[in-house]
Amino acid sequence: MKTRESPRNLDLFHDDLESVTLDIRWLYSHDLQIKFAEPGNYSHTEATTELRRTHIELAQAYVFGKRIMGNTFKIAVMSKCLELERVSK
């Protein structure tokens, strides 16, 4: 099992601000606060762009969760990915 040098310290300098913020909000609310685009409110191009942005945001959040060894956060991110897939069809 991989461990950090000092389990009490975590350097966030190189991490994506949105991912860190998402994790901190999730720690307190246990809800990933990511909004999905409503299909009827966008043109096809805008909806595709918004969907791509959301996928990237979730992927970055998952990578951050892996780096900080936040297994429950990673599970929440994957659950949100599955929800996004259901909504986008």
PDB file of N, CA and C in Angstrom:
ATOM      1  N   MET A   1       0.833  -1.182   0.000  1.00  0.00           N
ATOM      2  CA  MET A   1       0.000   0.000   0.000  1.00  0.00           C
ATOM      3  C   MET A   1       0.880   1.248   0.000  1.00  0.00           C
ATOM      4  N   LYS A   2       0.554   2.181  -0.858  1.00  0.00           N
ATOM      5  CA  LYS A   2       1.333   3.406  -0.999  1.00  0.00           C
ATOM      6  C   LYS A   2       0.968   4.396   0.115  1.00  0.00           C
ATOM      7  N   THR A   3       1.982   5.034   0.698  1.00  0.00           N
ATOM      8  CA  THR A   3       1.736   6.040   1.737  1.00  0.00           C
ATOM      9  C   THR A   3       2.516   7.305   1.411  1.00  0.00           C
ATOM     10  N   ARG A   4       2.055   8.414   1.959  1.00  0.00           N
ATOM     11  CA  ARG A   4       2.762   9.687   1.791  1.00  0.00           C
ATOM     12  C   ARG A   4       3.908   9.759   2.788  1.00  0.00           C
ATOM     13  N   GLU A   5       4.877  10.650   2.520  1.00  0.00           N
ATOM     14  CA  GLU A   5       5.999  10.831   3.447  1.00  0.00           C
ATOM     15  C   GLU A   5       5.486  11.207   4.827  1.00  0.00           C
ATOM     16  N   SER A   6       4.631  12.202   4.874  1.00  0.00           N
ATOM     17  CA  SER A   6       4.027  12.638   6.126  1.00  0.00           C
ATOM     18  C   SER A   6       2.515  12.607   5.947  1.00  0.00           C
ATOM     19  N   PRO A   7       1.828  11.657   6.591  1.00  0.00           N
ATOM     20  CA  PRO A   7       0.383  11.533   6.374  1.00  0.00           C
ATOM     21  C   PRO A   7      -0.418  12.752   6.835  1.00  0.00           C
ATOM     22  N   ARG A   8       0.180  13.610   7.620  1.00  0.00           N
ATOM     23  CA  ARG A   8      -0.534  14.796   8.107  1.00  0.00           C
ATOM     24  C   ARG A   8      -0.398  15.995   7.173  1.00  0.00           C
ATOM     25  N   ASN A   9       0.532  15.935   6.235  1.00  0.00           N
ATOM     26  CA  ASN A   9       0.768  17.055   5.327  1.00  0.00           C
ATOM     27  C   ASN A   9       0.475  16.645   3.894  1.00  0.00           C
ATOM     28  N   LEU A  10      -0.143  17.549   3.168  1.00  0.00           N
ATOM     29  CA  LEU A  10      -0.466  17.292   1.771  1.00  0.00           C
ATOM     30  C   LEU A  10      -0.198  18.560   0.978  1.00  0.00           C
ATOM     31  N   ASP A  11       0.697  18.469   0.013  1.00  0.00           N
ATOM     32  CA  ASP A  11       1.039  19.611  -0.828  1.00  0.00           C
ATOM     33  C   ASP A  11       0.031  19.696  -1.975  1.00  0.00           C
ATOM     34  N   LEU A  12      -0.738  20.777  -2.022  1.00  0.00           N
ATOM     35  CA  LEU A  12      -1.755  20.968  -3.052  1.00  0.00           C
ATOM     36  C   LEU A  12      -1.334  21.985  -4.103  1.00  0.00           C
ATOM     37  N   PHE A  13      -0.078  22.384  -4.089  1.00  0.00           N
ATOM     38  CA  PHE A  13       0.391  23.458  -4.950  1.00  0.00           C
ATOM     39  C   PHE A  13       0.129  23.181  -6.430  1.00  0.00           C
ATOM     40  N   HIS A  14       0.348  21.965  -6.886  1.00  0.00           N
ATOM     41  CA  HIS A  14       0.230  21.648  -8.312  1.00  0.00           C
ATOM     42  C   HIS A  14      -1.146  21.106  -8.689  1.00  0.00           C
ATOM     43  N   ASP A  15      -2.064  21.062  -7.754  1.00  0.00           N
ATOM     44  CA  ASP A  15      -3.372  20.483  -8.031  1.00  0.00           C
ATOM     45  C   ASP A  15      -4.339  21.511  -8.609  1.00  0.00           C
ATOM     46  N   ASP A  16      -5.293  20.990  -9.366  1.00  0.00           N
ATOM     47  CA  ASP A  16      -6.334  21.788  -9.985  1.00  0.00           C
ATOM     48  C   ASP A  16      -7.242  22.386  -8.899  1.00  0.00           C
ATOM     49  N   LEU A  17      -7.417  23.699  -8.900  1.00  0.00           N
ATOM     50  CA  LEU A  17      -8.210  24.380  -7.874  1.00  0.00           C
ATOM     51  C   LEU A  17      -9.649  23.866  -7.830  1.00  0.00           C
ATOM     52  N   GLU A  18     -10.237  23.609  -8.987  1.00  0.00           N
ATOM     53  CA  GLU A  18     -11.623  23.131  -9.017  1.00  0.00           C
ATOM     54  C   GLU A  18     -11.750  21.765  -8.352  1.00  0.00           C
ATOM     55  N   SER A  19     -10.768  20.894  -8.557  1.00  0.00           N
ATOM     56  CA  SER A  19     -10.792  19.565  -7.942  1.00  0.00           C
ATOM     57  C   SER A  19     -10.637  19.652  -6.426  1.00  0.00           C
ATOM     58  N   VAL A  20      -9.741  20.500  -5.975  1.00  0.00           N
ATOM     59  CA  VAL A  20      -9.545  20.678  -4.534  1.00  0.00           C
ATOM     60  C   VAL A  20     -10.813  21.237  -3.903  1.00  0.00           C
ATOM     61  N   THR A  21     -11.401  22.247  -4.541  1.00  0.00           N
ATOM     62  CA  THR A  21     -12.634  22.853  -4.033  1.00  0.00           C
ATOM     63  C   THR A  21     -13.768  21.840  -4.005  1.00  0.00           C
ATOM     64  N   LEU A  22     -13.883  21.044  -5.053  1.00  0.00           N
ATOM     65  CA  LEU A  22     -14.915  20.017  -5.126  1.00  0.00           C
ATOM     66  C   LEU A  22     -14.750  19.012  -3.986  1.00  0.00           C
ATOM     67  N   ASP A  23     -13.510  18.613  -3.718  1.00  0.00           N
ATOM     68  CA  ASP A  23     -13.246  17.663  -2.639  1.00  0.00           C
ATOM     69  C   ASP A  23     -13.590  18.264  -1.279  1.00  0.00           C
ATOM     70  N   ILE A  24     -13.202  19.491  -1.047  1.00  0.00           N
ATOM     71  CA  ILE A  24     -13.486  20.132   0.240  1.00  0.00           C
ATOM     72  C   ILE A  24     -14.993  20.264   0.451  1.00  0.00           C
ATOM     73  N   ARG A  25     -15.706  20.685  -0.575  1.00  0.00           N
ATOM     74  CA  ARG A  25     -17.165  20.786  -0.454  1.00  0.00           C
ATOM     75  C   ARG A  25     -17.793  19.420  -0.226  1.00  0.00           C
ATOM     76  N   TRP A  26     -17.256  18.397  -0.906  1.00  0.00           N
ATOM     77  CA  TRP A  26     -17.774  17.044  -0.744  1.00  0.00           C
ATOM     78  C   TRP A  26     -17.535  16.542   0.683  1.00  0.00           C
ATOM     79  N   LEU A  27     -16.364  16.880   1.262  1.00  0.00           N
ATOM     80  CA  LEU A  27     -16.067  16.448   2.630  1.00  0.00           C
ATOM     81  C   LEU A  27     -17.128  16.919   3.620  1.00  0.00           C
ATOM     82  N   TYR A  28     -17.659  18.119   3.405  1.00  0.00           N
ATOM     83  CA  TYR A  28     -18.631  18.680   4.341  1.00  0.00           C
ATOM     84  C   TYR A  28     -20.071  18.339   3.989  1.00  0.00           C
ATOM     85  N   SER A  29     -20.371  18.132   2.718  1.00  0.00           N
ATOM     86  CA  SER A  29     -21.770  17.918   2.320  1.00  0.00           C
ATOM     87  C   SER A  29     -22.053  16.487   1.839  1.00  0.00           C
ATOM     88  N   HIS A  30     -21.004  15.730   1.526  1.00  0.00           N
ATOM     89  CA  HIS A  30     -21.132  14.395   0.924  1.00  0.00           C
ATOM     90  C   HIS A  30     -21.972  14.433  -0.350  1.00  0.00           C
ATOM     91  N   ASP A  31     -21.844  15.542  -1.068  1.00  0.00           N
ATOM     92  CA  ASP A  31     -22.522  15.723  -2.347  1.00  0.00           C
ATOM     93  C   ASP A  31     -21.553  16.401  -3.305  1.00  0.00           C
ATOM     94  N   LEU A  32     -21.329  15.776  -4.462  1.00  0.00           N
ATOM     95  CA  LEU A  32     -20.492  16.422  -5.477  1.00  0.00           C
ATOM     96  C   LEU A  32     -21.331  17.488  -6.157  1.00  0.00           C
ATOM     97  N   GLN A  33     -20.952  18.705  -5.996  1.00  0.00           N
ATOM     98  CA  GLN A  33     -21.744  19.819  -6.498  1.00  0.00           C
ATOM     99  C   GLN A  33     -21.347  20.143  -7.935  1.00  0.00           C
ATOM    100  N   ILE A  34     -21.728  19.232  -8.834  1.00  0.00           N
ATOM    101  CA  ILE A  34     -21.496  19.410 -10.265  1.00  0.00           C
ATOM    102  C   ILE A  34     -22.860  19.435 -10.933  1.00  0.00           C
ATOM    103  N   LYS A  35     -23.117  20.491 -11.657  1.00  0.00           N
ATOM    104  CA  LYS A  35     -24.389  20.631 -12.363  1.00  0.00           C
ATOM    105  C   LYS A  35     -24.254  20.062 -13.767  1.00  0.00           C
ATOM    106  N   PHE A  36     -25.289  19.360 -14.204  1.00  0.00           N
ATOM    107  CA  PHE A  36     -25.317  18.833 -15.559  1.00  0.00           C
ATOM    108  C   PHE A  36     -26.123  19.773 -16.440  1.00  0.00           C
ATOM    109  N   ALA A  37     -25.730  19.863 -17.691  1.00  0.00           N
ATOM    110  CA  ALA A  37     -26.453  20.709 -18.649  1.00  0.00           C
ATOM    111  C   ALA A  37     -27.823  20.107 -18.934  1.00  0.00           C
ATOM    112  N   GLU A  38     -28.847  20.932 -18.926  1.00  0.00           N
ATOM    113  CA  GLU A  38     -30.190  20.496 -19.309  1.00  0.00           C
ATOM    114  C   GLU A  38     -30.222  20.397 -20.831  1.00  0.00           C
ATOM    115  N   PRO A  39     -30.527  19.222 -21.375  1.00  0.00           N
ATOM    116  CA  PRO A  39     -30.448  19.039 -22.833  1.00  0.00           C
ATOM    117  C   PRO A  39     -31.265  20.049 -23.640  1.00  0.00           C
ATOM    118  N   GLY A  40     -32.431  20.441 -23.189  1.00  0.00           N
ATOM    119  CA  GLY A  40     -33.283  21.342 -23.954  1.00  0.00           C
ATOM    120  C   GLY A  40     -32.850  22.797 -23.925  1.00  0.00           C
ATOM    121  N   ASN A  41     -31.938  23.148 -23.033  1.00  0.00           N
ATOM    122  CA  ASN A  41     -31.529  24.542 -22.879  1.00  0.00           C
ATOM    123  C   ASN A  41     -30.341  24.948 -23.745  1.00  0.00           C
ATOM    124  N   TYR A  42     -29.763  24.007 -24.482  1.00  0.00           N
ATOM    125  CA  TYR A  42     -28.563  24.288 -25.264  1.00  0.00           C
ATOM    126  C   TYR A  42     -28.739  23.772 -26.693  1.00  0.00           C
ATOM    127  N   SER A  43     -28.004  24.377 -27.604  1.00  0.00           N
ATOM    128  CA  SER A  43     -27.922  23.810 -28.952  1.00  0.00           C
ATOM    129  C   SER A  43     -27.087  22.537 -28.859  1.00  0.00           C
ATOM    130  N   HIS A  44     -27.073  21.745 -29.914  1.00  0.00           N
ATOM    131  CA  HIS A  44     -26.305  20.499 -29.903  1.00  0.00           C
ATOM    132  C   HIS A  44     -24.822  20.771 -29.628  1.00  0.00           C
ATOM    133  N   THR A  45     -24.275  21.795 -30.270  1.00  0.00           N
ATOM    134  CA  THR A  45     -22.860  22.133 -30.093  1.00  0.00           C
ATOM    135  C   THR A  45     -22.570  22.572 -28.669  1.00  0.00           C
ATOM    136  N   GLU A  46     -23.439  23.427 -28.119  1.00  0.00           N
ATOM    137  CA  GLU A  46     -23.250  23.894 -26.740  1.00  0.00           C
ATOM    138  C   GLU A  46     -23.382  22.744 -25.751  1.00  0.00           C
ATOM    139  N   ALA A  47     -24.349  21.857 -25.978  1.00  0.00           N
ATOM    140  CA  ALA A  47     -24.549  20.717 -25.081  1.00  0.00           C
ATOM    141  C   ALA A  47     -23.342  19.787 -25.113  1.00  0.00           C
ATOM    142  N   THR A  48     -22.780  19.567 -26.309  1.00  0.00           N
ATOM    143  CA  THR A  48     -21.598  18.719 -26.442  1.00  0.00           C
ATOM    144  C   THR A  48     -20.414  19.340 -25.717  1.00  0.00           C
ATOM    145  N   THR A  49     -20.234  20.636 -25.867  1.00  0.00           N
ATOM    146  CA  THR A  49     -19.144  21.344 -25.190  1.00  0.00           C
ATOM    147  C   THR A  49     -19.315  21.268 -23.680  1.00  0.00           C
ATOM    148  N   GLU A  50     -20.520  21.474 -23.199  1.00  0.00           N
ATOM    149  CA  GLU A  50     -20.796  21.423 -21.762  1.00  0.00           C
ATOM    150  C   GLU A  50     -20.584  20.005 -21.218  1.00  0.00           C
ATOM    151  N   LEU A  51     -21.002  19.016 -21.962  1.00  0.00           N
ATOM    152  CA  LEU A  51     -20.819  17.620 -21.564  1.00  0.00           C
ATOM    153  C   LEU A  51     -19.328  17.286 -21.481  1.00  0.00           C
ATOM    154  N   ARG A  52     -18.567  17.734 -22.457  1.00  0.00           N
ATOM    155  CA  ARG A  52     -17.113  17.513 -22.462  1.00  0.00           C
ATOM    156  C   ARG A  52     -16.469  18.187 -21.254  1.00  0.00           C
ATOM    157  N   ARG A  53     -16.884  19.421 -20.944  1.00  0.00           N
ATOM    158  CA  ARG A  53     -16.338  20.139 -19.794  1.00  0.00           C
ATOM    159  C   ARG A  53     -16.617  19.375 -18.497  1.00  0.00           C
ATOM    160  N   THR A  54     -17.818  18.839 -18.370  1.00  0.00           N
ATOM    161  CA  THR A  54     -18.190  18.105 -17.162  1.00  0.00           C
ATOM    162  C   THR A  54     -17.384  16.809 -17.051  1.00  0.00           C
ATOM    163  N   HIS A  55     -17.195  16.113 -18.175  1.00  0.00           N
ATOM    164  CA  HIS A  55     -16.373  14.893 -18.161  1.00  0.00           C
ATOM    165  C   HIS A  55     -14.943  15.202 -17.724  1.00  0.00           C
ATOM    166  N   ILE A  56     -14.384  16.277 -18.235  1.00  0.00           N
ATOM    167  CA  ILE A  56     -13.014  16.661 -17.871  1.00  0.00           C
ATOM    168  C   ILE A  56     -12.941  17.005 -16.390  1.00  0.00           C
ATOM    169  N   GLU A  57     -13.917  17.746 -15.898  1.00  0.00           N
ATOM    170  CA  GLU A  57     -13.945  18.119 -14.480  1.00  0.00           C
ATOM    171  C   GLU A  57     -14.000  16.868 -13.596  1.00  0.00           C
ATOM    172  N   LEU A  58     -14.822  15.903 -13.975  1.00  0.00           N
ATOM    173  CA  LEU A  58     -14.925  14.663 -13.201  1.00  0.00           C
ATOM    174  C   LEU A  58     -13.636  13.850 -13.278  1.00  0.00           C
ATOM    175  N   ALA A  59     -13.013  13.809 -14.446  1.00  0.00           N
ATOM    176  CA  ALA A  59     -11.752  13.074 -14.596  1.00  0.00           C
ATOM    177  C   ALA A  59     -10.661  13.699 -13.726  1.00  0.00           C
ATOM    178  N   GLN A  60     -10.568  15.016 -13.722  1.00  0.00           N
ATOM    179  CA  GLN A  60      -9.578  15.698 -12.890  1.00  0.00           C
ATOM    180  C   GLN A  60      -9.849  15.454 -11.409  1.00  0.00           C
ATOM    181  N   ALA A  61     -11.120  15.447 -11.029  1.00  0.00           N
ATOM    182  CA  ALA A  61     -11.481  15.186  -9.635  1.00  0.00           C
ATOM    183  C   ALA A  61     -11.081  13.765  -9.234  1.00  0.00           C
ATOM    184  N   TYR A  62     -11.287  12.803 -10.134  1.00  0.00           N
ATOM    185  CA  TYR A  62     -10.913  11.417  -9.834  1.00  0.00           C
ATOM    186  C   TYR A  62      -9.399  11.292  -9.644  1.00  0.00           C
ATOM    187  N   VAL A  63      -8.639  11.910 -10.533  1.00  0.00           N
ATOM    188  CA  VAL A  63      -7.176  11.863 -10.427  1.00  0.00           C
ATOM    189  C   VAL A  63      -6.731  12.505  -9.118  1.00  0.00           C
ATOM    190  N   PHE A  64      -7.355  13.619  -8.738  1.00  0.00           N
ATOM    191  CA  PHE A  64      -7.025  14.259  -7.464  1.00  0.00           C
ATOM    192  C   PHE A  64      -7.351  13.311  -6.304  1.00  0.00           C
ATOM    193  N   GLY A  65      -8.525  12.674  -6.349  1.00  0.00           N
ATOM    194  CA  GLY A  65      -8.898  11.728  -5.293  1.00  0.00           C
ATOM    195  C   GLY A  65      -7.920  10.574  -5.187  1.00  0.00           C
ATOM    196  N   LYS A  66      -7.422  10.120  -6.319  1.00  0.00           N
ATOM    197  CA  LYS A  66      -6.423   9.039  -6.317  1.00  0.00           C
ATOM    198  C   LYS A  66      -5.128   9.518  -5.677  1.00  0.00           C
ATOM    199  N   ARG A  67      -4.732  10.752  -6.000  1.00  0.00           N
ATOM    200  CA  ARG A  67      -3.487  11.289  -5.452  1.00  0.00           C
ATOM    201  C   ARG A  67      -3.556  11.465  -3.942  1.00  0.00           C
ATOM    202  N   ILE A  68      -4.701  11.897  -3.439  1.00  0.00           N
ATOM    203  CA  ILE A  68      -4.814  12.122  -1.993  1.00  0.00           C
ATOM    204  C   ILE A  68      -5.282  10.872  -1.254  1.00  0.00           C
ATOM    205  N   MET A  69      -5.441   9.773  -2.025  1.00  0.00           N
ATOM    206  CA  MET A  69      -5.864   8.496  -1.463  1.00  0.00           C
ATOM    207  C   MET A  69      -7.246   8.608  -0.810  1.00  0.00           C
ATOM    208  N   GLY A  70      -8.129   9.324  -1.486  1.00  0.00           N
ATOM    209  CA  GLY A  70      -9.493   9.515  -1.008  1.00  0.00           C
ATOM    210  C   GLY A  70     -10.439   8.539  -1.686  1.00  0.00           C
ATOM    211  N   ASN A  71     -10.472   7.310  -1.204  1.00  0.00           N
ATOM    212  CA  ASN A  71     -11.264   6.276  -1.861  1.00  0.00           C
ATOM    213  C   ASN A  71     -12.752   6.598  -1.911  1.00  0.00           C
ATOM    214  N   THR A  72     -13.314   7.114  -0.831  1.00  0.00           N
ATOM    215  CA  THR A  72     -14.748   7.420  -0.848  1.00  0.00           C
ATOM    216  C   THR A  72     -15.043   8.583  -1.785  1.00  0.00           C
ATOM    217  N   PHE A  73     -14.118   9.515  -1.915  1.00  0.00           N
ATOM    218  CA  PHE A  73     -14.281  10.618  -2.864  1.00  0.00           C
ATOM    219  C   PHE A  73     -14.258  10.070  -4.294  1.00  0.00           C
ATOM    220  N   LYS A  74     -13.336   9.152  -4.578  1.00  0.00           N
ATOM    221  CA  LYS A  74     -13.261   8.545  -5.915  1.00  0.00           C
ATOM    222  C   LYS A  74     -14.551   7.792  -6.246  1.00  0.00           C
ATOM    223  N   ILE A  75     -15.099   7.097  -5.281  1.00  0.00           N
ATOM    224  CA  ILE A  75     -16.363   6.381  -5.489  1.00  0.00           C
ATOM    225  C   ILE A  75     -17.476   7.371  -5.798  1.00  0.00           C
ATOM    226  N   ALA A  76     -17.511   8.486  -5.078  1.00  0.00           N
ATOM    227  CA  ALA A  76     -18.529   9.517  -5.329  1.00  0.00           C
ATOM    228  C   ALA A  76     -18.367  10.102  -6.732  1.00  0.00           C
ATOM    229  N   VAL A  77     -17.130  10.304  -7.163  1.00  0.00           N
ATOM    230  CA  VAL A  77     -16.875  10.830  -8.508  1.00  0.00           C
ATOM    231  C   VAL A  77     -17.352   9.831  -9.557  1.00  0.00           C
ATOM    232  N   MET A  78     -17.047   8.551  -9.368  1.00  0.00           N
ATOM    233  CA  MET A  78     -17.483   7.536 -10.333  1.00  0.00           C
ATOM    234  C   MET A  78     -19.009   7.431 -10.360  1.00  0.00           C
ATOM    235  N   SER A  79     -19.652   7.574  -9.220  1.00  0.00           N
ATOM    236  CA  SER A  79     -21.123   7.561  -9.185  1.00  0.00           C
ATOM    237  C   SER A  79     -21.689   8.729  -9.984  1.00  0.00           C
ATOM    238  N   LYS A  80     -21.044   9.877  -9.859  1.00  0.00           N
ATOM    239  CA  LYS A  80     -21.472  11.056 -10.612  1.00  0.00           C
ATOM    240  C   LYS A  80     -21.235  10.848 -12.101  1.00  0.00           C
ATOM    241  N   CYS A  81     -20.158  10.155 -12.476  1.00  0.00           N
ATOM    242  CA  CYS A  81     -19.904   9.835 -13.889  1.00  0.00           C
ATOM    243  C   CYS A  81     -21.022   8.966 -14.445  1.00  0.00           C
ATOM    244  N   LEU A  82     -21.434   7.972 -13.688  1.00  0.00           N
ATOM    245  CA  LEU A  82     -22.526   7.100 -14.130  1.00  0.00           C
ATOM    246  C   LEU A  82     -23.830   7.873 -14.254  1.00  0.00           C
ATOM    247  N   GLU A  83     -24.066   8.778 -13.323  1.00  0.00           N
ATOM    248  CA  GLU A  83     -25.267   9.628 -13.387  1.00  0.00           C
ATOM    249  C   GLU A  83     -25.210  10.507 -14.629  1.00  0.00           C
ATOM    250  N   LEU A  84     -24.052  11.056 -14.941  1.00  0.00           N
ATOM    251  CA  LEU A  84     -23.890  11.883 -16.130  1.00  0.00           C
ATOM    252  C   LEU A  84     -24.178  11.085 -17.389  1.00  0.00           C
ATOM    253  N   GLU A  85     -23.721   9.841 -17.428  1.00  0.00           N
ATOM    254  CA  GLU A  85     -23.987   8.992 -18.587  1.00  0.00           C
ATOM    255  C   GLU A  85     -25.482   8.753 -18.769  1.00  0.00           C
ATOM    256  N   ARG A  86     -26.202   8.528 -17.665  1.00  0.00           N
ATOM    257  CA  ARG A  86     -27.657   8.306 -17.756  1.00  0.00           C
ATOM    258  C   ARG A  86     -28.374   9.556 -18.251  1.00  0.00           C
ATOM    259  N   VAL A  87     -27.957  10.720 -17.750  1.00  0.00           N
ATOM    260  CA  VAL A  87     -28.591  11.981 -18.109  1.00  0.00           C
ATOM    261  C   VAL A  87     -28.307  12.366 -19.552  1.00  0.00           C
ATOM    262  N   SER A  88     -27.103  12.061 -20.049  1.00  0.00           N
ATOM    263  CA  SER A  88     -26.695  12.523 -21.376  1.00  0.00           C
ATOM    264  C   SER A  88     -27.266  11.678 -22.507  1.00  0.00           C
ATOM    265  N   LYS A  89     -27.901  10.573 -22.202  1.00  0.00           N
ATOM    266  CA  LYS A  89     -28.455   9.718 -23.284  1.00  0.00           C
ATOM    267  C   LYS A  89     -29.806  10.169 -23.721  1.00  0.00           C
TER     268      LYS A  89
END
